[in-house]
C-alpha atoms as a PDB file:
ATOM      1  CA  MET A   1      76.658 -89.469 -61.637  1.00  0.00           C
ATOM      2  CA  ASP A   2      73.059 -90.582 -62.108  1.00  0.00           C
ATOM      3  CA  ARG A   3      73.118 -94.077 -60.593  1.00  0.00           C
ATOM      4  CA  SER A   4      69.453 -94.688 -61.410  1.00  0.00           C
ATOM      5  CA  ALA A   5      70.396 -94.705 -65.097  1.00  0.00           C
ATOM      6  CA  LEU A   6      72.712 -97.658 -64.411  1.00  0.00           C
ATOM      7  CA  ARG A   7      70.254 -99.916 -62.595  1.00  0.00           C
ATOM      8  CA  ASP A   8      69.501-102.010 -65.700  1.00  0.00           C
ATOM      9  CA  ALA A   9      73.134-102.332 -66.830  1.00  0.00           C
ATOM     10  CA  PRO A  10      73.993-105.418 -64.689  1.00  0.00           C
ATOM     11  CA  TRP A  11      70.957-107.259 -66.058  1.00  0.00           C
ATOM     12  CA  VAL A  12      71.875-106.390 -69.624  1.00  0.00           C
ATOM     13  CA  VAL A  13      75.459-107.537 -69.104  1.00  0.00           C
ATOM     14  CA  ALA A  14      74.263-110.767 -67.465  1.00  0.00           C
ATOM     15  CA  ALA A  15      71.897-111.414 -70.386  1.00  0.00           C
ATOM     16  CA  GLY A  16      74.741-110.659 -72.780  1.00  0.00           C
ATOM     17  CA  ILE A  17      76.988-113.221 -71.084  1.00  0.00           C
ATOM     18  CA  VAL A  18      74.235-115.841 -71.372  1.00  0.00           C
ATOM     19  CA  VAL A  19      73.803-115.032 -75.072  1.00  0.00           C
ATOM     20  CA  MET A  20      77.577-115.135 -75.579  1.00  0.00           C
ATOM     21  CA  PHE A  21      77.757-118.759 -74.470  1.00  0.00           C
ATOM     22  CA  ALA A  22      74.382-119.859 -75.884  1.00  0.00           C
ATOM     23  CA  ALA A  23      74.718-118.405 -79.400  1.00  0.00           C
ATOM     24  CA  PRO A  24      77.449-120.871 -80.529  1.00  0.00           C
ATOM     25  CA  LEU A  25      74.936-123.660 -79.997  1.00  0.00           C
ATOM     26  CA  ILE A  26      72.934-122.225 -82.903  1.00  0.00           C
ATOM     27  CA  LEU A  27      75.406-120.523 -85.262  1.00  0.00           C
ATOM     28  CA  ASN A  28      79.068-120.955 -86.107  1.00  0.00           C
ATOM     29  CA  PHE A  29      81.765-118.724 -84.639  1.00  0.00           C
ATOM     30  CA  TYR A  30      82.638-117.174 -88.006  1.00  0.00           C
ATOM     31  CA  THR A  31      79.140-115.736 -88.523  1.00  0.00           C
ATOM     32  CA  LEU A  32      78.644-114.801 -84.873  1.00  0.00           C
ATOM     33  CA  THR A  33      81.846-112.766 -84.798  1.00  0.00           C
ATOM     34  CA  LEU A  34      80.646-110.646 -87.705  1.00  0.00           C
ATOM     35  CA  LEU A  35      77.262-110.091 -86.033  1.00  0.00           C
ATOM     36  CA  VAL A  36      78.972-108.926 -82.844  1.00  0.00           C
ATOM     37  CA  ILE A  37      81.087-106.482 -84.858  1.00  0.00           C
ATOM     38  CA  TYR A  38      77.949-105.201 -86.566  1.00  0.00           C
ATOM     39  CA  GLY A  39      76.390-104.734 -83.132  1.00  0.00           C
ATOM     40  CA  MET A  40      79.313-102.579 -82.006  1.00  0.00           C
ATOM     41  CA  LEU A  41      79.085-100.513 -85.183  1.00  0.00           C
ATOM     42  CA  ALA A  42      75.360 -99.956 -84.648  1.00  0.00           C
ATOM     43  CA  LEU A  43      76.029 -99.025 -81.030  1.00  0.00           C
ATOM     44  CA  SER A  44      78.333 -96.227 -82.185  1.00  0.00           C
ATOM     45  CA  LEU A  45      75.565 -94.639 -84.244  1.00  0.00           C
ATOM     46  CA  GLY A  46      72.926 -95.382 -81.613  1.00  0.00           C
ATOM     47  CA  LEU A  47      74.965 -93.331 -79.152  1.00  0.00           C
ATOM     48  CA  ILE A  48      75.368 -90.167 -81.217  1.00  0.00           C
ATOM     49  CA  TRP A  49      71.960 -90.318 -82.913  1.00  0.00           C
ATOM     50  CA  GLY A  50      69.741 -91.761 -80.215  1.00  0.00           C
ATOM     51  CA  PHE A  51      71.215 -89.806 -77.297  1.00  0.00           C
ATOM     52  CA  GLY A  52      72.935 -86.868 -78.954  1.00  0.00           C
ATOM     53  CA  GLY A  53      70.385 -86.217 -81.675  1.00  0.00           C
ATOM     54  CA  ILE A  54      73.144 -86.157 -84.316  1.00  0.00           C
ATOM     55  CA  LEU A  55      72.008 -87.857 -87.522  1.00  0.00           C
ATOM     56  CA  CYS A  56      75.146 -89.155 -89.232  1.00  0.00           C
ATOM     57  CA  PHE A  57      74.909 -90.747 -92.674  1.00  0.00           C
ATOM     58  CA  GLY A  58      78.650 -91.382 -92.683  1.00  0.00           C
ATOM     59  CA  GLN A  59      79.277 -93.758 -89.803  1.00  0.00           C
ATOM     60  CA  ALA A  60      80.747 -96.119 -92.376  1.00  0.00           C
ATOM     61  CA  ALA A  61      83.530 -93.556 -92.935  1.00  0.00           C
ATOM     62  CA  PHE A  62      84.818 -94.030 -89.374  1.00  0.00           C
ATOM     63  CA  TYR A  63      84.279 -97.782 -89.644  1.00  0.00           C
ATOM     64  CA  GLY A  64      86.329 -98.042 -92.829  1.00  0.00           C
ATOM     65  CA  LEU A  65      88.922 -95.577 -91.557  1.00  0.00           C
ATOM     66  CA  GLY A  66      89.476 -97.727 -88.476  1.00  0.00           C
ATOM     67  CA  ALA A  67      89.789-100.867 -90.615  1.00  0.00           C
ATOM     68  CA  TYR A  68      92.321 -99.263 -92.974  1.00  0.00           C
ATOM     69  CA  ALA A  69      94.259 -97.701 -90.079  1.00  0.00           C
ATOM     70  CA  TYR A  70      94.564-101.125 -88.496  1.00  0.00           C
ATOM     71  CA  ALA A  71      95.528-102.915 -91.723  1.00  0.00           C
ATOM     72  CA  ILE A  72      98.176-100.351 -92.733  1.00  0.00           C
ATOM     73  CA  SER A  73      99.772-100.119 -89.300  1.00  0.00           C
ATOM     74  CA  ALA A  74      99.633-103.882 -88.710  1.00  0.00           C
ATOM     75  CA  ALA A  75     101.324-104.520 -92.059  1.00  0.00           C
ATOM     76  CA  ASN A  76     104.160-102.218 -91.016  1.00  0.00           C
ATOM     77  CA  ILE A  77     104.441-103.073 -87.326  1.00  0.00           C
ATOM     78  CA  GLY A  78     103.727-106.804 -87.459  1.00  0.00           C
ATOM     79  CA  GLU A  79     101.825-106.787 -84.181  1.00  0.00           C
ATOM     80  CA  SER A  80      98.255-105.795 -83.337  1.00  0.00           C
ATOM     81  CA  THR A  81      98.423-103.816 -80.068  1.00  0.00           C
ATOM     82  CA  VAL A  82      99.492-100.426 -81.450  1.00  0.00           C
ATOM     83  CA  PRO A  83      97.388-100.836 -84.626  1.00  0.00           C
ATOM     84  CA  MET A  84      94.290-101.388 -82.483  1.00  0.00           C
ATOM     85  CA  LEU A  85      94.973 -98.173 -80.593  1.00  0.00           C
ATOM     86  CA  LEU A  86      95.556 -96.283 -83.836  1.00  0.00           C
ATOM     87  CA  ALA A  87      92.343 -97.700 -85.288  1.00  0.00           C
ATOM     88  CA  ILE A  88      90.472 -96.042 -82.422  1.00  0.00           C
ATOM     89  CA  ALA A  89      92.487 -92.822 -82.208  1.00  0.00           C
ATOM     90  CA  ILE A  90      92.503 -91.884 -85.907  1.00  0.00           C
ATOM     91  CA  PRO A  91      88.696 -92.072 -86.422  1.00  0.00           C
ATOM     92  CA  PHE A  92      88.235 -90.348 -83.045  1.00  0.00           C
ATOM     93  CA  VAL A  93      90.391 -87.369 -84.069  1.00  0.00           C
ATOM     94  CA  PHE A  94      88.924 -87.229 -87.565  1.00  0.00           C
ATOM     95  CA  ALA A  95      85.369 -87.345 -86.210  1.00  0.00           C
ATOM     96  CA  PHE A  96      86.161 -84.607 -83.683  1.00  0.00           C
ATOM     97  CA  LEU A  97      87.556 -82.297 -86.378  1.00  0.00           C
ATOM     98  CA  LEU A  98      84.663 -83.024 -88.734  1.00  0.00           C
ATOM     99  CA  GLY A  99      82.131 -82.565 -85.949  1.00  0.00           C
ATOM    100  CA  ALA A 100      83.683 -79.320 -84.759  1.00  0.00           C
ATOM    101  CA  MET A 101      83.557 -77.960 -88.292  1.00  0.00           C
ATOM    102  CA  MET A 102      79.864 -78.808 -88.587  1.00  0.00           C
ATOM    103  CA  PHE A 103      78.697 -77.862 -85.101  1.00  0.00           C
ATOM    104  CA  TYR A 104      80.618 -74.621 -84.779  1.00  0.00           C
ATOM    105  CA  GLY A 105      79.428 -73.803 -88.283  1.00  0.00           C
ATOM    106  CA  ARG A 106      75.850 -74.074 -87.001  1.00  0.00           C
ATOM    107  CA  LEU A 107      74.832 -76.463 -89.754  1.00  0.00           C
ATOM    108  CA  THR A 108      71.330 -77.919 -89.653  1.00  0.00           C
ATOM    109  CA  ASP A 109      70.605 -81.639 -89.507  1.00  0.00           C
ATOM    110  CA  VAL A 110      70.029 -81.854 -93.255  1.00  0.00           C
ATOM    111  CA  TYR A 111      73.395 -80.332 -94.120  1.00  0.00           C
ATOM    112  CA  MET A 112      75.168 -82.466 -91.511  1.00  0.00           C
ATOM    113  CA  GLY A 113      73.647 -85.578 -93.037  1.00  0.00           C
ATOM    114  CA  VAL A 114      74.750 -84.502 -96.515  1.00  0.00           C
ATOM    115  CA  ILE A 115      78.297 -83.671 -95.405  1.00  0.00           C
ATOM    116  CA  THR A 116      78.823 -86.949 -93.553  1.00  0.00           C
ATOM    117  CA  LEU A 117      77.466 -88.871 -96.536  1.00  0.00           C
ATOM    118  CA  VAL A 118      79.706 -86.980 -98.952  1.00  0.00           C
ATOM    119  CA  VAL A 119      82.763 -87.638 -96.766  1.00  0.00           C
ATOM    120  CA  THR A 120      81.991 -91.358 -96.887  1.00  0.00           C
ATOM    121  CA  LEU A 121      81.637 -91.308-100.673  1.00  0.00           C
ATOM    122  CA  ILE A 122      84.921 -89.384-100.992  1.00  0.00           C
ATOM    123  CA  PHE A 123      86.706 -92.112 -99.038  1.00  0.00           C
ATOM    124  CA  PHE A 124      85.018 -94.734-101.211  1.00  0.00           C
ATOM    125  CA  ARG A 125      86.020 -93.119-104.492  1.00  0.00           C
ATOM    126  CA  PHE A 126      89.542 -92.305-103.355  1.00  0.00           C
ATOM    127  CA  MET A 127      90.332 -95.795-102.040  1.00  0.00           C
ATOM    128  CA  ASN A 128      89.111 -97.288-105.309  1.00  0.00           C
ATOM    129  CA  THR A 129      91.699 -95.230-107.213  1.00  0.00           C
ATOM    130  CA  THR A 130      94.720 -96.334-105.167  1.00  0.00           C
ATOM    131  CA  ALA A 131      95.614 -99.371-107.262  1.00  0.00           C
ATOM    132  CA  GLY A 132      98.954 -98.042-108.510  1.00  0.00           C
ATOM    133  CA  PRO A 133     102.339 -98.859-106.936  1.00  0.00           C
ATOM    134  CA  GLU A 134     102.728 -95.235-105.858  1.00  0.00           C
ATOM    135  CA  TYR A 135      99.925 -95.690-103.330  1.00  0.00           C
ATOM    136  CA  GLN A 136     101.981 -97.397-100.674  1.00  0.00           C
ATOM    137  CA  ILE A 137     102.456 -96.562 -96.993  1.00  0.00           C
ATOM    138  CA  GLY A 138     105.554 -98.308 -95.732  1.00  0.00           C
ATOM    139  CA  GLN A 139     105.073-102.017 -96.381  1.00  0.00           C
ATOM    140  CA  ALA A 140     101.347-101.692 -97.047  1.00  0.00           C
ATOM    141  CA  ARG A 141     100.045-101.186-100.574  1.00  0.00           C
ATOM    142  CA  LEU A 142      96.532 -99.750-100.592  1.00  0.00           C
ATOM    143  CA  GLY A 143      95.573-101.953-103.519  1.00  0.00           C
ATOM    144  CA  GLY A 144      92.669 -99.920-104.895  1.00  0.00           C
ATOM    145  CA  TYR A 145      89.454-101.914-105.285  1.00  0.00           C
ATOM    146  CA  ASN A 146      91.371-105.108-104.398  1.00  0.00           C
ATOM    147  CA  GLY A 147      92.061-103.781-100.924  1.00  0.00           C
ATOM    148  CA  ILE A 148      94.808-104.714 -98.474  1.00  0.00           C
ATOM    149  CA  PRO A 149      95.334-108.399 -97.611  1.00  0.00           C
ATOM    150  CA  GLY A 150      98.071-110.217 -95.760  1.00  0.00           C
ATOM    151  CA  TYR A 151      98.585-108.119 -92.618  1.00  0.00           C
ATOM    152  CA  GLN A 152      98.984-109.213 -89.010  1.00  0.00           C
ATOM    153  CA  THR A 153      95.630-110.118 -87.497  1.00  0.00           C
ATOM    154  CA  LEU A 154      94.671-109.739 -83.844  1.00  0.00           C
ATOM    155  CA  ASN A 155      97.135-111.331 -81.445  1.00  0.00           C
ATOM    156  CA  VAL A 156      97.785-111.520 -77.716  1.00  0.00           C
ATOM    157  CA  PRO A 157      99.490-108.229 -76.765  1.00  0.00           C
ATOM    158  CA  GLY A 158     103.245-108.685 -76.805  1.00  0.00           C
ATOM    159  CA  ASP A 159     103.202-112.023 -78.626  1.00  0.00           C
ATOM    160  CA  ALA A 160     102.682-111.690 -82.382  1.00  0.00           C
ATOM    161  CA  SER A 161     102.694-115.464 -82.821  1.00  0.00           C
ATOM    162  CA  ALA A 162      99.709-115.979 -80.482  1.00  0.00           C
ATOM    163  CA  TYR A 163      96.862-115.357 -82.895  1.00  0.00           C
ATOM    164  CA  ILE A 164      93.326-114.655 -81.716  1.00  0.00           C
ATOM    165  CA  TRP A 165      90.991-116.203 -84.253  1.00  0.00           C
ATOM    166  CA  ASP A 166      87.863-118.314 -84.729  1.00  0.00           C
ATOM    167  CA  GLU A 167      86.408-119.186 -81.298  1.00  0.00           C
ATOM    168  CA  SER A 168      88.780-116.961 -79.323  1.00  0.00           C
ATOM    169  CA  LEU A 169      88.137-114.025 -81.674  1.00  0.00           C
ATOM    170  CA  TYR A 170      84.389-114.370 -81.157  1.00  0.00           C
ATOM    171  CA  TYR A 171      84.657-114.321 -77.377  1.00  0.00           C
ATOM    172  CA  THR A 172      87.156-111.459 -77.513  1.00  0.00           C
ATOM    173  CA  CYS A 173      84.834-109.362 -79.691  1.00  0.00           C
ATOM    174  CA  PHE A 174      81.844-110.138 -77.476  1.00  0.00           C
ATOM    175  CA  VAL A 175      83.709-109.169 -74.307  1.00  0.00           C
ATOM    176  CA  ILE A 176      84.877-105.948 -75.966  1.00  0.00           C
ATOM    177  CA  LEU A 177      81.263-105.204 -76.945  1.00  0.00           C
ATOM    178  CA  LEU A 178      80.108-105.681 -73.342  1.00  0.00           C
ATOM    179  CA  VAL A 179      82.917-103.460 -72.063  1.00  0.00           C
ATOM    180  CA  VAL A 180      82.044-100.758 -74.594  1.00  0.00           C
ATOM    181  CA  TYR A 181      78.391-101.003 -73.589  1.00  0.00           C
ATOM    182  CA  VAL A 182      79.228-100.530 -69.894  1.00  0.00           C
ATOM    183  CA  LEU A 183      81.538 -97.595 -70.652  1.00  0.00           C
ATOM    184  CA  VAL A 184      78.867 -95.921 -72.776  1.00  0.00           C
ATOM    185  CA  ARG A 185      76.273 -96.422 -70.024  1.00  0.00           C
ATOM    186  CA  LEU A 186      78.680 -94.824 -67.547  1.00  0.00           C
ATOM    187  CA  LEU A 187      79.236 -91.965 -69.968  1.00  0.00           C
ATOM    188  CA  LEU A 188      75.502 -91.366 -70.359  1.00  0.00           C
ATOM    189  CA  ALA A 189      74.990 -91.495 -66.590  1.00  0.00           C
ATOM    190  CA  SER A 190      77.736 -88.897 -66.037  1.00  0.00           C
ATOM    191  CA  PRO A 191      77.090 -85.128 -66.117  1.00  0.00           C
ATOM    192  CA  PHE A 192      78.530 -85.048 -69.646  1.00  0.00           C
ATOM    193  CA  GLY A 193      76.020 -87.632 -70.856  1.00  0.00           C
ATOM    194  CA  ARG A 194      73.077 -85.983 -69.164  1.00  0.00           C
ATOM    195  CA  ILE A 195      73.997 -82.641 -70.755  1.00  0.00           C
ATOM    196  CA  ALA A 196      74.333 -84.383 -74.141  1.00  0.00           C
ATOM    197  CA  VAL A 197      70.778 -85.707 -73.816  1.00  0.00           C
ATOM    198  CA  ALA A 198      69.605 -82.237 -72.765  1.00  0.00           C
ATOM    199  CA  ILE A 199      71.250 -80.798 -75.892  1.00  0.00           C
ATOM    200  CA  ARG A 200      69.271 -83.266 -77.956  1.00  0.00           C
ATOM    201  CA  GLU A 201      66.063 -82.003 -76.372  1.00  0.00           C
ATOM    202  CA  ASN A 202      66.777 -78.252 -76.481  1.00  0.00           C
ATOM    203  CA  GLU A 203      70.214 -77.021 -77.517  1.00  0.00           C
ATOM    204  CA  ASN A 204      69.404 -73.318 -77.103  1.00  0.00           C
ATOM    205  CA  ARG A 205      68.269 -73.770 -73.516  1.00  0.00           C
ATOM    206  CA  VAL A 206      71.460 -75.671 -72.655  1.00  0.00           C
ATOM    207  CA  GLU A 207      73.586 -72.883 -74.104  1.00  0.00           C
ATOM    208  CA  LEU A 208      71.625 -70.305 -72.111  1.00  0.00           C
ATOM    209  CA  MET A 209      72.587 -72.264 -68.993  1.00  0.00           C
ATOM    210  CA  GLY A 210      76.253 -71.613 -69.798  1.00  0.00           C
ATOM    211  CA  TYR A 211      77.332 -74.906 -71.406  1.00  0.00           C
ATOM    212  CA  ASP A 212      79.268 -75.124 -74.655  1.00  0.00           C
ATOM    213  CA  ALA A 213      76.859 -77.366 -76.549  1.00  0.00           C
ATOM    214  CA  ARG A 214      78.962 -77.410 -79.709  1.00  0.00           C
ATOM    215  CA  LEU A 215      82.057 -78.696 -77.908  1.00  0.00           C
ATOM    216  CA  ARG A 216      80.088 -81.439 -76.183  1.00  0.00           C
ATOM    217  CA  LYS A 217      78.474 -82.492 -79.432  1.00  0.00           C
ATOM    218  CA  SER A 218      81.907 -82.629 -81.069  1.00  0.00           C
ATOM    219  CA  VAL A 219      83.252 -84.846 -78.279  1.00  0.00           C
ATOM    220  CA  LEU A 220      80.219 -87.155 -78.405  1.00  0.00           C
ATOM    221  CA  PHE A 221      80.529 -87.360 -82.181  1.00  0.00           C
ATOM    222  CA  ALA A 222      84.213 -88.252 -81.778  1.00  0.00           C
ATOM    223  CA  ILE A 223      83.427 -90.979 -79.236  1.00  0.00           C
ATOM    224  CA  GLY A 224      80.984 -92.512 -81.701  1.00  0.00           C
ATOM    225  CA  GLY A 225      83.678 -92.341 -84.375  1.00  0.00           C
ATOM    226  CA  GLY A 226      86.193 -94.060 -82.098  1.00  0.00           C
ATOM    227  CA  ILE A 227      83.772 -96.912 -81.341  1.00  0.00           C
ATOM    228  CA  ALA A 228      83.091 -97.321 -85.066  1.00  0.00           C
ATOM    229  CA  GLY A 229      86.856 -97.374 -85.668  1.00  0.00           C
ATOM    230  CA  LEU A 230      87.236-100.131 -83.068  1.00  0.00           C
ATOM    231  CA  ALA A 231      84.539-102.135 -84.871  1.00  0.00           C
ATOM    232  CA  GLY A 232      86.405-101.568 -88.138  1.00  0.00           C
ATOM    233  CA  ALA A 233      89.657-102.878 -86.646  1.00  0.00           C
ATOM    234  CA  LEU A 234      87.926-106.007 -85.359  1.00  0.00           C
ATOM    235  CA  TYR A 235      86.363-106.489 -88.789  1.00  0.00           C
ATOM    236  CA  ALA A 236      89.796-106.175 -90.417  1.00  0.00           C
ATOM    237  CA  SER A 237      91.114-108.898 -88.127  1.00  0.00           C
ATOM    238  CA  TRP A 238      88.063-111.087 -88.818  1.00  0.00           C
ATOM    239  CA  ALA A 239      88.037-110.692 -92.611  1.00  0.00           C
ATOM    240  CA  GLU A 240      91.860-110.583 -93.012  1.00  0.00           C
ATOM    241  CA  ILE A 241      91.331-108.089 -95.837  1.00  0.00           C
ATOM    242  CA  VAL A 242      89.994-104.540 -96.083  1.00  0.00           C
ATOM    243  CA  THR A 243      88.447-103.119 -99.260  1.00  0.00           C
ATOM    244  CA  PRO A 244      86.802 -99.826-100.292  1.00  0.00           C
ATOM    245  CA  GLY A 245      83.426-101.541 -99.881  1.00  0.00           C
ATOM    246  CA  LEU A 246      83.617-100.614 -96.198  1.00  0.00           C
ATOM    247  CA  PHE A 247      82.941 -97.011 -97.265  1.00  0.00           C
ATOM    248  CA  SER A 248      80.067 -97.890 -99.590  1.00  0.00           C
ATOM    249  CA  LEU A 249      76.681 -96.192 -99.592  1.00  0.00           C
ATOM    250  CA  GLY A 250      75.012 -99.524 -98.906  1.00  0.00           C
ATOM    251  CA  GLN A 251      77.047 -99.969 -95.732  1.00  0.00           C
ATOM    252  CA  SER A 252      76.067 -96.496 -94.524  1.00  0.00           C
ATOM    253  CA  ALA A 253      72.389 -97.165 -95.190  1.00  0.00           C
ATOM    254  CA  GLU A 254      72.457-100.508 -93.386  1.00  0.00           C
ATOM    255  CA  ILE A 255      73.782 -98.955 -90.176  1.00  0.00           C
ATOM    256  CA  ILE A 256      70.923 -96.454 -90.151  1.00  0.00           C
ATOM    257  CA  ILE A 257      68.375 -99.218 -90.787  1.00  0.00           C
ATOM    258  CA  TRP A 258      69.785-101.282 -87.914  1.00  0.00           C
ATOM    259  CA  CYS A 259      69.306 -98.382 -85.506  1.00  0.00           C
ATOM    260  CA  ILE A 260      65.806 -97.485 -86.706  1.00  0.00           C
ATOM    261  CA  VAL A 261      64.546-101.066 -86.558  1.00  0.00           C
ATOM    262  CA  GLY A 262      66.209-101.850 -83.225  1.00  0.00           C
ATOM    263  CA  GLY A 263      65.091 -98.596 -81.658  1.00  0.00           C
ATOM    264  CA  LEU A 264      66.737 -95.251 -81.034  1.00  0.00           C
ATOM    265  CA  GLY A 265      67.096 -93.937 -77.516  1.00  0.00           C
ATOM    266  CA  THR A 266      68.405 -97.306 -76.314  1.00  0.00           C
ATOM    267  CA  LEU A 267      71.797 -98.980 -76.545  1.00  0.00           C
ATOM    268  CA  VAL A 268      70.515-102.538 -76.763  1.00  0.00           C
ATOM    269  CA  GLY A 269      68.118-101.765 -79.636  1.00  0.00           C
ATOM    270  CA  PRO A 270      70.725-100.924 -82.296  1.00  0.00           C
ATOM    271  CA  VAL A 271      72.853-103.904 -81.248  1.00  0.00           C
ATOM    272  CA  LEU A 272      69.935-106.335 -81.581  1.00  0.00           C
ATOM    273  CA  GLY A 273      68.821-104.696 -84.811  1.00  0.00           C
ATOM    274  CA  ALA A 274      72.290-105.131 -86.285  1.00  0.00           C
ATOM    275  CA  ALA A 275      72.535-108.751 -85.175  1.00  0.00           C
ATOM    276  CA  VAL A 276      69.101-109.800 -86.467  1.00  0.00           C
ATOM    277  CA  LEU A 277      69.225-107.887 -89.743  1.00  0.00           C
ATOM    278  CA  GLY A 278      72.869-108.805 -90.267  1.00  0.00           C
ATOM    279  CA  TYR A 279      72.027-112.482 -89.988  1.00  0.00           C
ATOM    280  CA  LEU A 280      68.998-112.019 -92.229  1.00  0.00           C
ATOM    281  CA  LYS A 281      71.236-110.418 -94.846  1.00  0.00           C
ATOM    282  CA  PHE A 282      73.648-113.348 -94.541  1.00  0.00           C
ATOM    283  CA  ALA A 283      70.827-115.878 -94.927  1.00  0.00           C
ATOM    284  CA  LEU A 284      69.282-114.074 -97.896  1.00  0.00           C
ATOM    285  CA  GLY A 285      72.683-113.851 -99.549  1.00  0.00           C
ATOM    286  CA  GLN A 286      72.702-117.623 -99.916  1.00  0.00           C
ATOM    287  CA  GLN A 287      69.747-117.597-102.306  1.00  0.00           C
ATOM    288  CA  THR A 288      68.815-115.750-105.485  1.00  0.00           C
ATOM    289  CA  ALA A 289      65.024-115.935-105.453  1.00  0.00           C
ATOM    290  CA  VAL A 290      64.537-112.754-103.417  1.00  0.00           C
ATOM    291  CA  ASP A 291      66.583-109.566-103.497  1.00  0.00           C
ATOM    292  CA  ASN A 292      67.895-108.955 -99.978  1.00  0.00           C
ATOM    293  CA  VAL A 293      67.856-105.178-100.508  1.00  0.00           C
ATOM    294  CA  LEU A 294      64.118-105.370-101.213  1.00  0.00           C
ATOM    295  CA  VAL A 295      63.557-107.391 -98.038  1.00  0.00           C
ATOM    296  CA  MET A 296      65.536-104.907 -95.943  1.00  0.00           C
ATOM    297  CA  GLY A 297      63.514-102.048 -97.391  1.00  0.00           C
ATOM    298  CA  LEU A 298      60.220-103.787 -96.627  1.00  0.00           C
ATOM    299  CA  ILE A 299      61.308-104.472 -93.046  1.00  0.00           C
ATOM    300  CA  LEU A 300      62.207-100.817 -92.577  1.00  0.00           C
ATOM    301  CA  VAL A 301      58.842 -99.629 -93.966  1.00  0.00           C
ATOM    302  CA  VAL A 302      56.861-102.078 -91.814  1.00  0.00           C
ATOM    303  CA  VAL A 303      58.729-101.174 -88.636  1.00  0.00           C
ATOM    304  CA  VAL A 304      58.383 -97.432 -89.254  1.00  0.00           C
ATOM    305  CA  LEU A 305      54.628 -97.804 -89.863  1.00  0.00           C
ATOM    306  CA  VAL A 306      53.825-100.304 -87.103  1.00  0.00           C
ATOM    307  CA  LEU A 307      56.550 -99.617 -84.510  1.00  0.00           C
ATOM    308  CA  PRO A 308      57.796 -96.089 -85.206  1.00  0.00           C
ATOM    309  CA  ARG A 309      59.924 -96.077 -82.041  1.00  0.00           C
ATOM    310  CA  GLY A 310      61.659 -99.317 -82.969  1.00  0.00           C
ATOM    311  CA  VAL A 311      61.312-102.867 -81.713  1.00  0.00           C
ATOM    312  CA  VAL A 312      63.076-102.660 -78.351  1.00  0.00           C
ATOM    313  CA  PRO A 313      61.454 -99.397 -77.086  1.00  0.00           C
ATOM    314  CA  SER A 314      58.036-100.716 -78.151  1.00  0.00           C
ATOM    315  CA  LEU A 315      58.600-103.989 -76.285  1.00  0.00           C
ATOM    316  CA  ILE A 316      59.748-102.099 -73.182  1.00  0.00           C
ATOM    317  CA  THR A 317      56.647 -99.903 -73.289  1.00  0.00           C
ATOM    318  CA  ALA A 318      54.335-102.890 -73.743  1.00  0.00           C
ATOM    319  CA  PHE A 319      56.013-104.745 -70.864  1.00  0.00           C
ATOM    320  CA  SER A 320      55.731-101.704 -68.578  1.00  0.00           C
ATOM    321  CA  ARG A 321      52.033-101.319 -69.318  1.00  0.00           C
ATOM    322  CA  SER A 322      51.433-105.009 -68.740  1.00  0.00           C
ATOM    323  CA  SER A 323      53.291-104.852 -65.414  1.00  0.00           C
ATOM    324  CA  ARG A 324      51.215-101.890 -64.266  1.00  0.00           C
ATOM    325  CA  ARG A 325      47.992-103.727 -65.100  1.00  0.00           C
ATOM    326  CA  ARG A 326      49.087-106.740 -63.051  1.00  0.00           C
ATOM    327  CA  GLY A 327      50.380-104.599 -60.202  1.00  0.00           C
ATOM    328  CA  PRO A 328      48.834-104.354 -56.685  1.00  0.00           C
ATOM    329  CA  GLY A 329      45.465-102.630 -56.629  1.00  0.00           C
ATOM    330  CA  SER A 330      44.930-102.964 -60.361  1.00  0.00           C
ATOM    331  CA  ARG A 331      41.960-105.252 -59.772  1.00  0.00           C
ATOM    332  CA  ARG A 332      39.202-104.910 -57.267  1.00  0.00           C
ATOM    333  CA  ARG A 333      38.851-107.866 -55.002  1.00  0.00           C
ATOM    334  CA  ARG A 334      35.443-109.544 -55.139  1.00  0.00           C
ATOM    335  CA  GLY A 335      33.570-111.805 -52.765  1.00  0.00           C
ATOM    336  CA  PRO A 336      32.410-115.321 -53.528  1.00  0.00           C
ATOM    337  CA  ARG A 337      29.284-114.141 -55.376  1.00  0.00           C
ATOM    338  CA  GLY A 338      30.812-111.269 -57.269  1.00  0.00           C
ATOM    339  CA  ALA A 339      30.119-108.679 -54.554  1.00  0.00           C
ATOM    340  CA  ARG A 340      32.902-106.255 -53.808  1.00  0.00           C
ATOM    341  CA  ALA A 341      34.941-107.467 -50.855  1.00  0.00           C
ATOM    342  CA  ASP A 342      36.208-104.010 -49.837  1.00  0.00           C
ATOM    343  CA  GLY A 343      32.904-102.563 -48.726  1.00  0.00           C
END
């Protein structure tokens, strides 16, 4: 395992803990919980796109699939432990099968983007047509465009009456986000993660070294799908209703914008991008003078033109350059009258 790749993780986790306790001083728990869920969703795409080089336009498919898997199973089971596991496992398996089909089929990035987008739209159209009474799985009616309400929300494992909501749900989601971040950092520091990054740089060379690049890409794609499914399950518990809007084209586009603005090639960038832009969308939604879609588009254009690498990578680069300038030996020492003191 590459331990040097983990040297910044403790600082990021420490900063995250500080933010976790400081953020409620500014915003309410209801809004903060949604922003944390958005951050986890962006992290799932930041992993497979920023480190695996897999551009997925359908991350919302795994997000919505996890939310529906949780809602349907929770409505039938009446407890949240097994539904949470299913909400991770089902998108993971679906993403692995979809990824294997694309990667072993040697599809190019353009076709992969089209296929993942089409899969998302298929889910969106299908779930909108499930309004009839025949669309029922056990005790859960899919409800069409009205969605599924009234299921068991997140509870303490083993005690369905001990609900996790409001303040406790926020802290639970934040802790889960930190745990997912640490696990992803460990994954990227492992031989599997290092090979995944090498595949992003030159897939043919990795295959010539004897590695099955397509299998590793399928597994990485599935891990991203599982994380998105976990975010979907937490959203289902937060919103207490799931609707086909989770599969919408707008949702898919927003996830991509979060990652581009925050910065690909980092894990913190997509999370911060999702949190900032998610809150901006929430704030703009409370007024009618300016179209929030227009604002999001302008932000994307400005960032791409001014900071093509994203906000976080650009800040890291600027900080590194500034540190090198202020480092030892960066300035020549001078005597009292401006003469050089070293000779």
